[in-house]
């Protein structure tokens, strides 16, 4: 459709699966029927229902809004912003992500920078990322390899964090177990309630604030 790969693709869909594939040699291509507009290097796709299959160049930014239906992003893309009421959300590789969903399972593979996810219900799993800012009402939160700082909150749900580097962690849940795994040899400052806001001791590598009202909290150095 366009000789120059768009920097941003915006997708607005009602119900139905949305699949985006980014690969070397790709230019923008849409499989399916939808309304398409192109302005200043940005493409906007609108479709009330039905499947959308889209090819884009690596590094393309994606803005996706759906009512219901699975969203799958394959290959390396730029910034990903998703708002979805229901339906599984999968992102293989992105520069950064900002995902907001009501009732969806969220699976993210690799994120170079910030990984921000808000999910009311449904499991959240992230393979690797820079900073992580995750919040949910119910559902397990699992971050497998975090290079930056972590802010994770849940009302009812287990939180599992594995840190690739000794950076600060704040993890809170009302009901659910919290597990924080730090790199081998790391020393964490775990302040009591009365010590919150105080400076970290010089012999500690990071600060870990982990609170669960009715669950167990475990902090280890692997």
N, C-alpha and C. Protein backbone atom coordinates (compact mmCIF):
# COMPACT_ATOMS: atom_id res chain seq x y z
N UNK A 1 0.81 -1.21 0.00
CA UNK A 1 0.00 0.00 0.00
C UNK A 1 0.85 1.27 0.00
N UNK A 2 1.99 1.21 0.69
CA UNK A 2 2.85 2.38 0.79
C UNK A 2 4.29 1.99 0.47
N UNK A 3 5.02 2.86 -0.23
CA UNK A 3 6.40 2.56 -0.61
C UNK A 3 7.35 2.72 0.58
N UNK A 4 6.98 3.55 1.55
CA UNK A 4 7.81 3.79 2.72
C UNK A 4 7.15 3.13 3.92
N UNK A 5 7.92 2.37 4.68
CA UNK A 5 7.36 1.70 5.85
C UNK A 5 6.87 2.74 6.86
N UNK A 6 5.66 2.60 7.37
CA UNK A 6 5.14 3.57 8.34
C UNK A 6 5.88 3.47 9.66
N UNK A 7 6.02 4.60 10.35
CA UNK A 7 6.66 4.59 11.67
C UNK A 7 5.70 4.08 12.73
N UNK A 8 4.40 4.31 12.54
CA UNK A 8 3.38 3.91 13.50
C UNK A 8 2.17 3.34 12.78
N UNK A 9 1.66 2.23 13.30
CA UNK A 9 0.42 1.65 12.80
C UNK A 9 -0.58 1.63 13.95
N UNK A 10 -1.74 2.25 13.72
CA UNK A 10 -2.81 2.29 14.72
C UNK A 10 -3.93 1.36 14.28
N UNK A 11 -4.37 0.51 15.20
CA UNK A 11 -5.39 -0.48 14.87
C UNK A 11 -6.55 -0.34 15.84
N UNK A 12 -7.74 -0.17 15.29
CA UNK A 12 -8.96 -0.10 16.09
C UNK A 12 -9.89 -1.21 15.63
N UNK A 13 -10.17 -2.16 16.54
CA UNK A 13 -10.97 -3.32 16.16
C UNK A 13 -12.01 -3.59 17.24
N UNK A 14 -13.18 -4.04 16.80
CA UNK A 14 -14.22 -4.40 17.76
C UNK A 14 -13.97 -5.79 18.31
N UNK A 15 -14.43 -6.81 17.62
CA UNK A 15 -14.21 -8.19 18.04
C UNK A 15 -13.51 -8.93 16.91
N UNK A 16 -12.62 -9.85 17.30
CA UNK A 16 -11.87 -10.60 16.29
C UNK A 16 -10.39 -10.56 16.57
N UNK A 17 -9.67 -11.53 16.05
CA UNK A 17 -8.23 -11.65 16.30
C UNK A 17 -7.44 -10.61 15.51
N UNK A 18 -6.41 -10.08 16.15
CA UNK A 18 -5.48 -9.16 15.49
C UNK A 18 -4.09 -9.78 15.57
N UNK A 19 -3.47 -10.01 14.43
CA UNK A 19 -2.13 -10.56 14.40
C UNK A 19 -1.23 -9.65 13.57
N UNK A 20 -0.08 -9.28 14.17
CA UNK A 20 0.89 -8.41 13.51
C UNK A 20 2.22 -9.15 13.44
N UNK A 21 2.83 -9.18 12.27
CA UNK A 21 4.11 -9.86 12.07
C UNK A 21 5.14 -8.84 11.58
N UNK A 22 6.24 -8.72 12.32
CA UNK A 22 7.35 -7.84 11.94
C UNK A 22 8.54 -8.69 11.55
N UNK A 23 9.10 -8.45 10.37
CA UNK A 23 10.26 -9.22 9.92
C UNK A 23 11.05 -8.41 8.90
N UNK A 24 12.35 -8.70 8.81
CA UNK A 24 13.20 -8.01 7.85
C UNK A 24 12.65 -8.19 6.44
N UNK A 25 12.65 -7.11 5.67
CA UNK A 25 12.15 -7.16 4.31
C UNK A 25 10.67 -6.85 4.19
N UNK A 26 9.99 -6.80 5.34
CA UNK A 26 8.56 -6.49 5.29
C UNK A 26 8.32 -5.01 5.04
N UNK A 27 7.30 -4.73 4.26
CA UNK A 27 6.71 -3.40 4.24
C UNK A 27 5.28 -3.57 4.71
N UNK A 28 4.57 -2.50 4.88
CA UNK A 28 3.21 -2.63 5.41
C UNK A 28 2.32 -3.38 4.40
N UNK A 29 1.59 -4.36 4.94
CA UNK A 29 0.62 -5.09 4.12
C UNK A 29 -0.49 -5.60 5.01
N UNK A 30 -1.70 -5.44 4.57
CA UNK A 30 -2.88 -5.87 5.32
C UNK A 30 -3.56 -7.00 4.60
N UNK A 31 -3.86 -8.07 5.34
CA UNK A 31 -4.65 -9.18 4.81
C UNK A 31 -6.01 -9.11 5.48
N UNK A 32 -7.05 -8.88 4.71
CA UNK A 32 -8.38 -8.72 5.27
C UNK A 32 -9.00 -7.44 4.77
N UNK A 33 -10.24 -7.25 5.10
CA UNK A 33 -10.94 -6.03 4.68
C UNK A 33 -11.08 -5.11 5.87
N UNK A 34 -10.66 -3.88 5.70
CA UNK A 34 -10.74 -2.89 6.78
C UNK A 34 -10.60 -1.50 6.16
N UNK A 35 -10.96 -0.50 6.92
CA UNK A 35 -10.77 0.89 6.52
C UNK A 35 -9.34 1.31 6.84
N UNK A 36 -8.61 1.79 5.85
CA UNK A 36 -7.20 2.15 6.04
C UNK A 36 -6.98 3.60 5.63
N UNK A 37 -6.32 4.35 6.51
CA UNK A 37 -5.97 5.74 6.21
C UNK A 37 -4.48 5.94 6.48
N UNK A 38 -3.84 6.73 5.64
CA UNK A 38 -2.42 7.02 5.82
C UNK A 38 -2.19 8.51 5.83
N UNK A 39 -1.58 9.01 6.92
CA UNK A 39 -1.29 10.43 7.06
C UNK A 39 0.08 10.61 7.69
N UNK A 40 0.98 11.30 7.00
CA UNK A 40 2.30 11.65 7.54
C UNK A 40 3.05 10.45 8.11
N UNK A 41 3.09 9.37 7.37
CA UNK A 41 3.85 8.20 7.80
C UNK A 41 3.17 7.33 8.83
N UNK A 42 1.93 7.65 9.19
CA UNK A 42 1.18 6.83 10.13
C UNK A 42 -0.02 6.22 9.43
N UNK A 43 -0.26 4.95 9.72
CA UNK A 43 -1.39 4.24 9.12
C UNK A 43 -2.40 3.90 10.20
N UNK A 44 -3.65 4.18 9.94
CA UNK A 44 -4.74 3.86 10.86
C UNK A 44 -5.66 2.83 10.21
N UNK A 45 -5.91 1.75 10.93
CA UNK A 45 -6.76 0.66 10.45
C UNK A 45 -7.97 0.54 11.36
N UNK A 46 -9.16 0.51 10.78
CA UNK A 46 -10.39 0.39 11.57
C UNK A 46 -11.23 -0.76 11.03
N UNK A 47 -11.70 -1.59 11.96
CA UNK A 47 -12.57 -2.70 11.57
C UNK A 47 -13.44 -3.09 12.77
N UNK A 48 -14.77 -3.12 12.60
CA UNK A 48 -15.65 -3.43 13.72
C UNK A 48 -15.60 -4.89 14.15
N UNK A 49 -15.35 -5.81 13.22
CA UNK A 49 -15.32 -7.23 13.55
C UNK A 49 -14.54 -7.99 12.50
N UNK A 50 -14.04 -9.17 12.88
CA UNK A 50 -13.31 -10.01 11.93
C UNK A 50 -11.82 -10.03 12.19
N UNK A 51 -11.12 -10.96 11.57
CA UNK A 51 -9.69 -11.13 11.77
C UNK A 51 -8.89 -10.12 10.97
N UNK A 52 -7.82 -9.61 11.58
CA UNK A 52 -6.87 -8.73 10.90
C UNK A 52 -5.49 -9.37 10.94
N UNK A 53 -4.84 -9.47 9.78
CA UNK A 53 -3.49 -10.00 9.70
C UNK A 53 -2.65 -8.94 9.00
N UNK A 54 -1.60 -8.44 9.72
CA UNK A 54 -0.87 -7.27 9.24
C UNK A 54 0.63 -7.56 9.26
N UNK A 55 1.32 -7.21 8.17
CA UNK A 55 2.78 -7.29 8.09
C UNK A 55 3.35 -5.89 8.24
N UNK A 56 4.41 -5.76 9.05
CA UNK A 56 5.06 -4.46 9.23
C UNK A 56 6.58 -4.67 9.25
N UNK A 57 7.33 -3.58 9.10
CA UNK A 57 8.78 -3.62 9.20
C UNK A 57 9.19 -3.69 10.67
N UNK A 58 10.35 -4.27 10.97
CA UNK A 58 10.84 -4.28 12.35
C UNK A 58 10.97 -2.85 12.90
N UNK A 59 10.66 -2.68 14.17
CA UNK A 59 10.77 -1.37 14.80
C UNK A 59 9.54 -0.50 14.67
N UNK A 60 8.52 -0.97 13.95
CA UNK A 60 7.29 -0.19 13.81
C UNK A 60 6.58 -0.05 15.15
N UNK A 61 6.13 1.16 15.46
CA UNK A 61 5.34 1.37 16.68
C UNK A 61 3.90 0.94 16.43
N UNK A 62 3.28 0.33 17.45
CA UNK A 62 1.92 -0.18 17.31
C UNK A 62 1.03 0.38 18.41
N UNK A 63 -0.14 0.85 18.01
CA UNK A 63 -1.16 1.31 18.95
C UNK A 63 -2.42 0.52 18.62
N UNK A 64 -2.87 -0.32 19.56
CA UNK A 64 -3.96 -1.25 19.27
C UNK A 64 -5.06 -1.11 20.31
N UNK A 65 -6.28 -0.97 19.85
CA UNK A 65 -7.43 -0.92 20.73
C UNK A 65 -8.49 -1.91 20.26
N UNK A 66 -8.91 -2.83 21.13
CA UNK A 66 -9.93 -3.81 20.76
C UNK A 66 -10.95 -3.95 21.88
N UNK A 67 -12.13 -4.43 21.50
CA UNK A 67 -13.15 -4.76 22.50
C UNK A 67 -12.94 -6.18 23.00
N UNK A 68 -12.85 -7.12 22.08
CA UNK A 68 -12.61 -8.52 22.44
C UNK A 68 -11.89 -9.22 21.31
N UNK A 69 -11.08 -10.22 21.66
CA UNK A 69 -10.34 -10.95 20.64
C UNK A 69 -8.86 -10.99 20.96
N UNK A 70 -8.21 -12.03 20.52
CA UNK A 70 -6.79 -12.23 20.79
C UNK A 70 -5.93 -11.25 20.00
N UNK A 71 -4.89 -10.74 20.65
CA UNK A 71 -3.91 -9.88 20.00
C UNK A 71 -2.56 -10.58 20.05
N UNK A 72 -1.93 -10.77 18.90
CA UNK A 72 -0.64 -11.45 18.84
C UNK A 72 0.32 -10.62 17.99
N UNK A 73 1.48 -10.29 18.57
CA UNK A 73 2.50 -9.51 17.88
C UNK A 73 3.76 -10.35 17.81
N UNK A 74 4.17 -10.68 16.59
CA UNK A 74 5.31 -11.57 16.35
C UNK A 74 6.44 -10.77 15.72
N UNK A 75 7.66 -10.97 16.23
CA UNK A 75 8.81 -10.27 15.67
C UNK A 75 9.10 -8.99 16.41
N UNK A 76 10.24 -8.36 16.12
CA UNK A 76 10.68 -7.17 16.85
C UNK A 76 9.98 -5.89 16.40
N UNK A 77 9.29 -5.25 17.31
CA UNK A 77 8.62 -3.99 17.00
C UNK A 77 9.11 -2.90 17.94
N UNK A 78 8.62 -1.68 17.75
CA UNK A 78 9.02 -0.56 18.59
C UNK A 78 8.17 -0.48 19.84
N UNK A 79 7.59 0.69 20.10
CA UNK A 79 6.72 0.85 21.26
C UNK A 79 5.36 0.22 20.97
N UNK A 80 4.84 -0.53 21.93
CA UNK A 80 3.53 -1.16 21.79
C UNK A 80 2.60 -0.62 22.87
N UNK A 81 1.46 -0.08 22.44
CA UNK A 81 0.42 0.36 23.36
C UNK A 81 -0.85 -0.41 23.02
N UNK A 82 -1.41 -1.10 24.01
CA UNK A 82 -2.60 -1.92 23.80
C UNK A 82 -3.65 -1.59 24.85
N UNK A 83 -4.88 -1.39 24.40
CA UNK A 83 -6.03 -1.29 25.30
C UNK A 83 -7.04 -2.31 24.82
N UNK A 84 -7.40 -3.26 25.71
CA UNK A 84 -8.31 -4.33 25.32
C UNK A 84 -9.20 -4.69 26.50
N UNK A 85 -10.48 -4.93 26.22
CA UNK A 85 -11.38 -5.33 27.28
C UNK A 85 -11.21 -6.81 27.62
N UNK A 86 -11.14 -7.67 26.61
CA UNK A 86 -10.98 -9.09 26.86
C UNK A 86 -10.27 -9.75 25.69
N UNK A 87 -9.55 -10.84 25.98
CA UNK A 87 -8.81 -11.55 24.95
C UNK A 87 -7.33 -11.59 25.28
N UNK A 88 -6.67 -12.69 24.99
CA UNK A 88 -5.26 -12.87 25.30
C UNK A 88 -4.40 -11.88 24.51
N UNK A 89 -3.37 -11.35 25.17
CA UNK A 89 -2.44 -10.43 24.53
C UNK A 89 -1.05 -11.05 24.58
N UNK A 90 -0.42 -11.20 23.41
CA UNK A 90 0.92 -11.77 23.31
C UNK A 90 1.83 -10.82 22.53
N UNK A 91 2.99 -10.53 23.09
CA UNK A 91 3.99 -9.69 22.42
C UNK A 91 5.32 -10.42 22.48
N UNK A 92 5.91 -10.69 21.33
CA UNK A 92 7.17 -11.44 21.32
C UNK A 92 8.36 -10.57 21.69
N UNK A 93 8.53 -9.42 21.02
CA UNK A 93 9.71 -8.58 21.24
C UNK A 93 9.37 -7.13 20.92
N UNK A 94 9.65 -6.24 21.87
CA UNK A 94 9.32 -4.82 21.69
C UNK A 94 10.33 -3.94 22.39
N UNK A 95 10.42 -2.69 21.93
CA UNK A 95 11.28 -1.72 22.59
C UNK A 95 10.71 -1.33 23.95
N UNK A 96 9.39 -1.19 24.03
CA UNK A 96 8.70 -0.91 25.29
C UNK A 96 7.24 -1.29 25.10
N UNK A 97 6.54 -1.54 26.22
CA UNK A 97 5.12 -1.88 26.13
C UNK A 97 4.32 -1.15 27.19
N UNK A 98 3.08 -0.84 26.84
CA UNK A 98 2.10 -0.27 27.77
C UNK A 98 0.78 -0.96 27.45
N UNK A 99 0.40 -1.94 28.28
CA UNK A 99 -0.78 -2.76 28.02
C UNK A 99 -1.81 -2.56 29.10
N UNK A 100 -3.03 -2.23 28.71
CA UNK A 100 -4.14 -2.04 29.65
C UNK A 100 -5.27 -2.98 29.23
N UNK A 101 -5.70 -3.86 30.15
CA UNK A 101 -6.74 -4.80 29.81
C UNK A 101 -7.62 -5.09 31.01
N UNK A 102 -8.87 -5.42 30.74
CA UNK A 102 -9.82 -5.74 31.81
C UNK A 102 -9.69 -7.21 32.20
N UNK A 103 -9.91 -8.10 31.27
CA UNK A 103 -9.85 -9.54 31.57
C UNK A 103 -9.11 -10.26 30.47
N UNK A 104 -7.80 -10.31 30.58
CA UNK A 104 -6.97 -10.95 29.56
C UNK A 104 -5.72 -11.53 30.19
N UNK A 105 -5.28 -12.64 29.66
CA UNK A 105 -3.95 -13.14 29.99
C UNK A 105 -2.95 -12.38 29.13
N UNK A 106 -1.85 -11.94 29.74
CA UNK A 106 -0.84 -11.16 29.03
C UNK A 106 0.49 -11.91 29.07
N UNK A 107 1.06 -12.17 27.90
CA UNK A 107 2.37 -12.82 27.80
C UNK A 107 3.29 -11.95 26.95
N UNK A 108 4.40 -11.55 27.54
CA UNK A 108 5.37 -10.69 26.85
C UNK A 108 6.71 -11.41 26.87
N UNK A 109 7.37 -11.49 25.71
CA UNK A 109 8.65 -12.17 25.63
C UNK A 109 9.80 -11.31 26.09
N UNK A 110 10.23 -10.38 25.24
CA UNK A 110 11.39 -9.54 25.53
C UNK A 110 11.05 -8.07 25.29
N UNK A 111 11.37 -7.23 26.29
CA UNK A 111 11.16 -5.79 26.19
C UNK A 111 12.47 -5.10 26.55
N UNK A 112 12.96 -4.26 25.63
CA UNK A 112 14.23 -3.59 25.88
C UNK A 112 14.17 -2.55 26.97
N UNK A 113 13.04 -1.86 27.07
CA UNK A 113 12.91 -0.78 28.05
C UNK A 113 11.82 -1.05 29.06
N UNK A 114 10.94 -0.05 29.24
CA UNK A 114 9.90 -0.14 30.25
C UNK A 114 8.79 -1.10 29.83
N UNK A 115 8.37 -1.93 30.77
CA UNK A 115 7.24 -2.83 30.58
C UNK A 115 6.16 -2.41 31.59
N UNK A 116 5.10 -1.77 31.09
CA UNK A 116 4.00 -1.34 31.96
C UNK A 116 2.74 -2.12 31.59
N UNK A 117 2.16 -2.80 32.57
CA UNK A 117 0.97 -3.61 32.31
C UNK A 117 -0.05 -3.38 33.42
N UNK A 118 -1.30 -3.18 33.01
CA UNK A 118 -2.42 -3.09 33.94
C UNK A 118 -3.45 -4.13 33.51
N UNK A 119 -3.76 -5.07 34.41
CA UNK A 119 -4.71 -6.12 34.08
C UNK A 119 -5.60 -6.38 35.29
N UNK A 120 -6.91 -6.26 35.10
CA UNK A 120 -7.82 -6.50 36.23
C UNK A 120 -7.84 -7.97 36.61
N UNK A 121 -8.01 -8.86 35.62
CA UNK A 121 -7.99 -10.30 35.88
C UNK A 121 -7.18 -10.98 34.79
N UNK A 122 -6.41 -11.99 35.19
CA UNK A 122 -5.62 -12.73 34.21
C UNK A 122 -4.15 -12.73 34.57
N UNK A 123 -3.46 -13.82 34.24
CA UNK A 123 -2.04 -13.96 34.52
C UNK A 123 -1.22 -13.01 33.66
N UNK A 124 -0.16 -12.46 34.26
CA UNK A 124 0.80 -11.62 33.54
C UNK A 124 2.17 -12.29 33.61
N UNK A 125 2.75 -12.56 32.45
CA UNK A 125 4.07 -13.19 32.40
C UNK A 125 4.97 -12.39 31.45
N UNK A 126 6.16 -12.05 31.94
CA UNK A 126 7.13 -11.29 31.14
C UNK A 126 8.45 -12.05 31.16
N UNK A 127 9.01 -12.31 29.97
CA UNK A 127 10.28 -13.03 29.89
C UNK A 127 11.46 -12.19 30.35
N UNK A 128 11.65 -11.02 29.74
CA UNK A 128 12.73 -10.13 30.14
C UNK A 128 12.33 -8.69 29.82
N UNK A 129 12.85 -7.75 30.62
CA UNK A 129 12.53 -6.34 30.40
C UNK A 129 13.52 -5.47 31.14
N UNK A 130 13.41 -4.16 30.89
CA UNK A 130 14.17 -3.19 31.65
C UNK A 130 13.45 -2.93 32.96
N UNK A 131 12.89 -1.72 33.12
CA UNK A 131 12.05 -1.46 34.28
C UNK A 131 10.70 -2.13 34.09
N UNK A 132 10.06 -2.51 35.22
CA UNK A 132 8.74 -3.15 35.16
C UNK A 132 7.79 -2.43 36.11
N UNK A 133 6.61 -2.12 35.59
CA UNK A 133 5.55 -1.47 36.36
C UNK A 133 4.27 -2.27 36.09
N UNK A 134 3.94 -3.17 37.01
CA UNK A 134 2.85 -4.13 36.79
C UNK A 134 1.83 -4.01 37.91
N UNK A 135 0.55 -4.00 37.55
CA UNK A 135 -0.51 -3.96 38.55
C UNK A 135 -1.70 -4.77 38.07
N UNK A 136 -2.32 -5.51 39.01
CA UNK A 136 -3.49 -6.29 38.67
C UNK A 136 -4.35 -6.50 39.90
N UNK A 137 -5.62 -6.78 39.68
CA UNK A 137 -6.52 -7.06 40.80
C UNK A 137 -6.42 -8.52 41.21
N UNK A 138 -6.55 -9.42 40.24
CA UNK A 138 -6.43 -10.84 40.53
C UNK A 138 -5.70 -11.52 39.39
N UNK A 139 -4.87 -12.49 39.73
CA UNK A 139 -4.08 -13.17 38.71
C UNK A 139 -2.61 -13.12 39.06
N UNK A 140 -1.90 -14.14 38.69
CA UNK A 140 -0.47 -14.27 39.01
C UNK A 140 0.36 -13.31 38.17
N UNK A 141 1.39 -12.74 38.80
CA UNK A 141 2.35 -11.89 38.12
C UNK A 141 3.70 -12.60 38.16
N UNK A 142 4.27 -12.85 36.98
CA UNK A 142 5.53 -13.57 36.89
C UNK A 142 6.48 -12.82 35.97
N UNK A 143 7.55 -12.31 36.54
CA UNK A 143 8.58 -11.60 35.78
C UNK A 143 9.86 -12.43 35.87
N UNK A 144 10.32 -12.94 34.73
CA UNK A 144 11.38 -13.94 34.74
C UNK A 144 12.79 -13.36 34.74
N UNK A 145 12.99 -12.18 34.15
CA UNK A 145 14.35 -11.61 34.09
C UNK A 145 14.23 -10.10 33.94
N UNK A 146 14.38 -9.39 35.06
CA UNK A 146 14.20 -7.93 35.06
C UNK A 146 15.56 -7.27 35.25
N UNK A 147 15.93 -6.39 34.32
CA UNK A 147 17.22 -5.71 34.40
C UNK A 147 17.14 -4.41 35.19
N UNK A 148 15.94 -3.83 35.29
CA UNK A 148 15.79 -2.54 35.95
C UNK A 148 15.04 -2.64 37.27
N UNK A 149 14.33 -1.57 37.60
CA UNK A 149 13.57 -1.53 38.84
C UNK A 149 12.19 -2.16 38.64
N UNK A 150 11.59 -2.61 39.74
CA UNK A 150 10.28 -3.27 39.68
C UNK A 150 9.31 -2.60 40.64
N UNK A 151 8.10 -2.36 40.13
CA UNK A 151 6.98 -1.92 40.94
C UNK A 151 5.82 -2.84 40.58
N UNK A 152 5.46 -3.78 41.48
CA UNK A 152 4.43 -4.78 41.17
C UNK A 152 3.40 -4.80 42.28
N UNK A 153 2.12 -4.72 41.88
CA UNK A 153 1.04 -4.67 42.86
C UNK A 153 -0.11 -5.58 42.42
N UNK A 154 -0.66 -6.31 43.39
CA UNK A 154 -1.81 -7.16 43.12
C UNK A 154 -2.71 -7.19 44.36
N UNK A 155 -4.01 -7.32 44.14
CA UNK A 155 -4.93 -7.47 45.27
C UNK A 155 -4.93 -8.92 45.73
N UNK A 156 -5.20 -9.82 44.82
CA UNK A 156 -5.16 -11.26 45.14
C UNK A 156 -4.44 -11.98 44.02
N UNK A 157 -3.25 -12.43 44.30
CA UNK A 157 -2.47 -13.12 43.27
C UNK A 157 -1.01 -13.23 43.69
N UNK A 158 -0.39 -14.29 43.27
CA UNK A 158 1.01 -14.54 43.58
C UNK A 158 1.91 -13.65 42.72
N UNK A 159 3.01 -13.17 43.30
CA UNK A 159 3.97 -12.35 42.58
C UNK A 159 5.33 -13.05 42.63
N UNK A 160 5.90 -13.34 41.46
CA UNK A 160 7.21 -13.97 41.36
C UNK A 160 8.12 -13.08 40.52
N UNK A 161 9.24 -12.66 41.09
CA UNK A 161 10.17 -11.76 40.42
C UNK A 161 11.56 -12.36 40.41
N UNK A 162 12.19 -12.42 39.25
CA UNK A 162 13.57 -12.86 39.14
C UNK A 162 14.37 -11.72 38.54
N UNK A 163 15.31 -11.20 39.30
CA UNK A 163 16.06 -10.02 38.91
C UNK A 163 17.35 -10.40 38.18
N UNK A 164 17.57 -9.77 37.02
CA UNK A 164 18.81 -9.97 36.29
C UNK A 164 19.93 -9.12 36.86
N UNK A 165 19.58 -8.07 37.58
CA UNK A 165 20.55 -7.18 38.22
C UNK A 165 19.97 -6.76 39.57
N UNK A 166 20.84 -6.36 40.47
CA UNK A 166 20.40 -5.97 41.81
C UNK A 166 19.84 -4.56 41.79
N UNK A 167 18.57 -4.43 41.44
CA UNK A 167 17.88 -3.15 41.42
C UNK A 167 16.72 -3.15 42.40
N UNK A 168 16.21 -1.97 42.69
CA UNK A 168 15.17 -1.83 43.71
C UNK A 168 13.87 -2.51 43.29
N UNK A 169 13.19 -3.07 44.29
CA UNK A 169 11.93 -3.78 44.07
C UNK A 169 10.90 -3.30 45.09
N UNK A 170 9.71 -3.05 44.59
CA UNK A 170 8.56 -2.84 45.47
C UNK A 170 7.45 -3.77 44.99
N UNK A 171 7.04 -4.70 45.85
CA UNK A 171 6.01 -5.68 45.49
C UNK A 171 5.01 -5.79 46.64
N UNK A 172 3.74 -5.64 46.31
CA UNK A 172 2.71 -5.66 47.34
C UNK A 172 1.49 -6.42 46.87
N UNK A 173 0.92 -7.23 47.75
CA UNK A 173 -0.33 -7.92 47.48
C UNK A 173 -1.09 -8.11 48.80
N UNK A 174 -2.40 -8.18 48.70
CA UNK A 174 -3.20 -8.40 49.91
C UNK A 174 -3.20 -9.88 50.25
N UNK A 175 -3.55 -10.72 49.28
CA UNK A 175 -3.52 -12.17 49.49
C UNK A 175 -2.68 -12.80 48.40
N UNK A 176 -1.65 -13.53 48.78
CA UNK A 176 -0.79 -14.17 47.79
C UNK A 176 0.66 -14.15 48.23
N UNK A 177 1.40 -15.13 47.79
CA UNK A 177 2.82 -15.26 48.11
C UNK A 177 3.64 -14.34 47.21
N UNK A 178 4.72 -13.80 47.78
CA UNK A 178 5.66 -12.99 47.01
C UNK A 178 7.03 -13.65 47.07
N UNK A 179 7.63 -13.86 45.89
CA UNK A 179 8.97 -14.41 45.81
C UNK A 179 9.84 -13.46 44.99
N UNK A 180 10.96 -13.06 45.56
CA UNK A 180 11.91 -12.18 44.86
C UNK A 180 13.26 -12.90 44.83
N UNK A 181 13.77 -13.14 43.62
CA UNK A 181 15.05 -13.81 43.46
C UNK A 181 16.06 -12.80 42.91
N UNK A 182 17.14 -12.58 43.66
CA UNK A 182 18.18 -11.62 43.28
C UNK A 182 19.40 -12.36 42.74
N UNK A 183 20.25 -11.67 41.97
CA UNK A 183 21.47 -12.31 41.48
C UNK A 183 22.34 -12.81 42.63
N UNK A 184 23.11 -13.84 42.36
CA UNK A 184 23.96 -14.45 43.38
C UNK A 184 24.90 -13.42 44.00
N UNK A 185 24.96 -13.42 45.31
CA UNK A 185 25.84 -12.52 46.04
C UNK A 185 25.24 -11.17 46.35
N UNK A 186 24.04 -10.89 45.86
CA UNK A 186 23.40 -9.60 46.10
C UNK A 186 22.94 -9.50 47.56
N UNK A 187 23.07 -8.31 48.10
CA UNK A 187 22.61 -8.05 49.47
C UNK A 187 21.51 -7.01 49.40
N UNK A 188 20.34 -7.36 49.90
CA UNK A 188 19.18 -6.48 49.82
C UNK A 188 18.87 -5.84 51.17
N UNK A 189 18.54 -4.58 51.13
CA UNK A 189 18.03 -3.87 52.30
C UNK A 189 16.51 -4.05 52.30
N UNK A 190 15.98 -4.70 53.32
CA UNK A 190 14.55 -4.94 53.44
C UNK A 190 14.01 -4.16 54.63
N UNK A 191 13.61 -2.91 54.39
CA UNK A 191 13.23 -2.04 55.51
C UNK A 191 11.92 -2.46 56.17
N UNK A 192 11.87 -2.29 57.47
CA UNK A 192 10.63 -2.46 58.21
C UNK A 192 9.73 -1.25 57.92
N UNK A 193 8.48 -1.32 58.36
CA UNK A 193 7.55 -0.21 58.11
C UNK A 193 8.11 1.10 58.63
N UNK A 194 8.74 1.06 59.79
CA UNK A 194 9.28 2.28 60.40
C UNK A 194 10.50 2.82 59.66
N UNK A 195 11.11 2.00 58.78
CA UNK A 195 12.33 2.40 58.07
C UNK A 195 12.06 2.83 56.63
N UNK A 196 10.79 2.77 56.20
CA UNK A 196 10.48 3.14 54.82
C UNK A 196 10.87 4.59 54.55
N UNK A 197 11.54 4.81 53.44
CA UNK A 197 11.98 6.16 53.11
C UNK A 197 13.38 6.49 53.60
N UNK A 198 13.97 5.61 54.39
CA UNK A 198 15.33 5.86 54.87
C UNK A 198 16.35 5.47 53.81
N UNK A 199 17.54 5.99 53.93
CA UNK A 199 18.59 5.69 52.96
C UNK A 199 19.04 4.24 53.07
N UNK A 200 19.39 3.66 51.95
CA UNK A 200 19.88 2.29 51.94
C UNK A 200 21.29 2.24 52.53
N UNK A 201 21.57 1.27 53.39
CA UNK A 201 22.92 1.13 53.94
C UNK A 201 23.95 0.93 52.83
N UNK A 202 25.14 1.42 53.00
CA UNK A 202 26.17 1.34 51.95
C UNK A 202 26.59 -0.09 51.60
N UNK A 203 26.37 -1.04 52.51
CA UNK A 203 26.77 -2.42 52.24
C UNK A 203 25.67 -3.22 51.54
N UNK A 204 24.58 -2.56 51.16
CA UNK A 204 23.48 -3.24 50.46
C UNK A 204 23.44 -2.81 48.99
N UNK A 205 23.09 -3.73 48.12
CA UNK A 205 23.08 -3.46 46.68
C UNK A 205 21.76 -2.89 46.18
N UNK A 206 20.68 -3.17 46.88
CA UNK A 206 19.36 -2.74 46.43
C UNK A 206 18.40 -2.73 47.62
N UNK A 207 17.26 -2.11 47.40
CA UNK A 207 16.21 -2.08 48.41
C UNK A 207 15.04 -2.91 47.93
N UNK A 208 14.57 -3.83 48.76
CA UNK A 208 13.43 -4.67 48.44
C UNK A 208 12.34 -4.43 49.47
N UNK A 209 11.23 -3.86 49.01
CA UNK A 209 10.06 -3.67 49.87
C UNK A 209 9.00 -4.64 49.36
N UNK A 210 8.74 -5.69 50.11
CA UNK A 210 7.77 -6.72 49.72
C UNK A 210 6.80 -6.92 50.87
N UNK A 211 5.51 -6.74 50.57
CA UNK A 211 4.48 -6.81 51.60
C UNK A 211 3.31 -7.66 51.11
N UNK A 212 2.90 -8.63 51.93
CA UNK A 212 1.70 -9.40 51.67
C UNK A 212 0.92 -9.51 52.98
N UNK A 213 -0.36 -9.12 52.94
CA UNK A 213 -1.15 -9.12 54.16
C UNK A 213 -1.36 -10.52 54.71
N UNK A 214 -1.68 -11.47 53.83
CA UNK A 214 -1.97 -12.84 54.30
C UNK A 214 -1.08 -13.90 53.68
N UNK A 215 -0.07 -13.51 52.93
CA UNK A 215 0.78 -14.50 52.27
C UNK A 215 2.22 -14.43 52.75
N UNK A 216 3.03 -15.40 52.31
CA UNK A 216 4.43 -15.48 52.67
C UNK A 216 5.29 -14.63 51.75
N UNK A 217 6.33 -14.01 52.28
CA UNK A 217 7.28 -13.24 51.48
C UNK A 217 8.65 -13.91 51.58
N UNK A 218 9.25 -14.21 50.41
CA UNK A 218 10.55 -14.87 50.38
C UNK A 218 11.47 -14.06 49.47
N UNK A 219 12.63 -13.66 49.98
CA UNK A 219 13.64 -12.95 49.20
C UNK A 219 14.93 -13.77 49.26
N UNK A 220 15.44 -14.18 48.08
CA UNK A 220 16.63 -15.01 48.03
C UNK A 220 17.65 -14.46 47.05
N UNK A 221 18.91 -14.88 47.22
CA UNK A 221 19.98 -14.60 46.23
C UNK A 221 20.38 -15.93 45.64
N UNK A 222 20.17 -16.11 44.37
CA UNK A 222 20.41 -17.41 43.73
C UNK A 222 21.89 -17.58 43.37
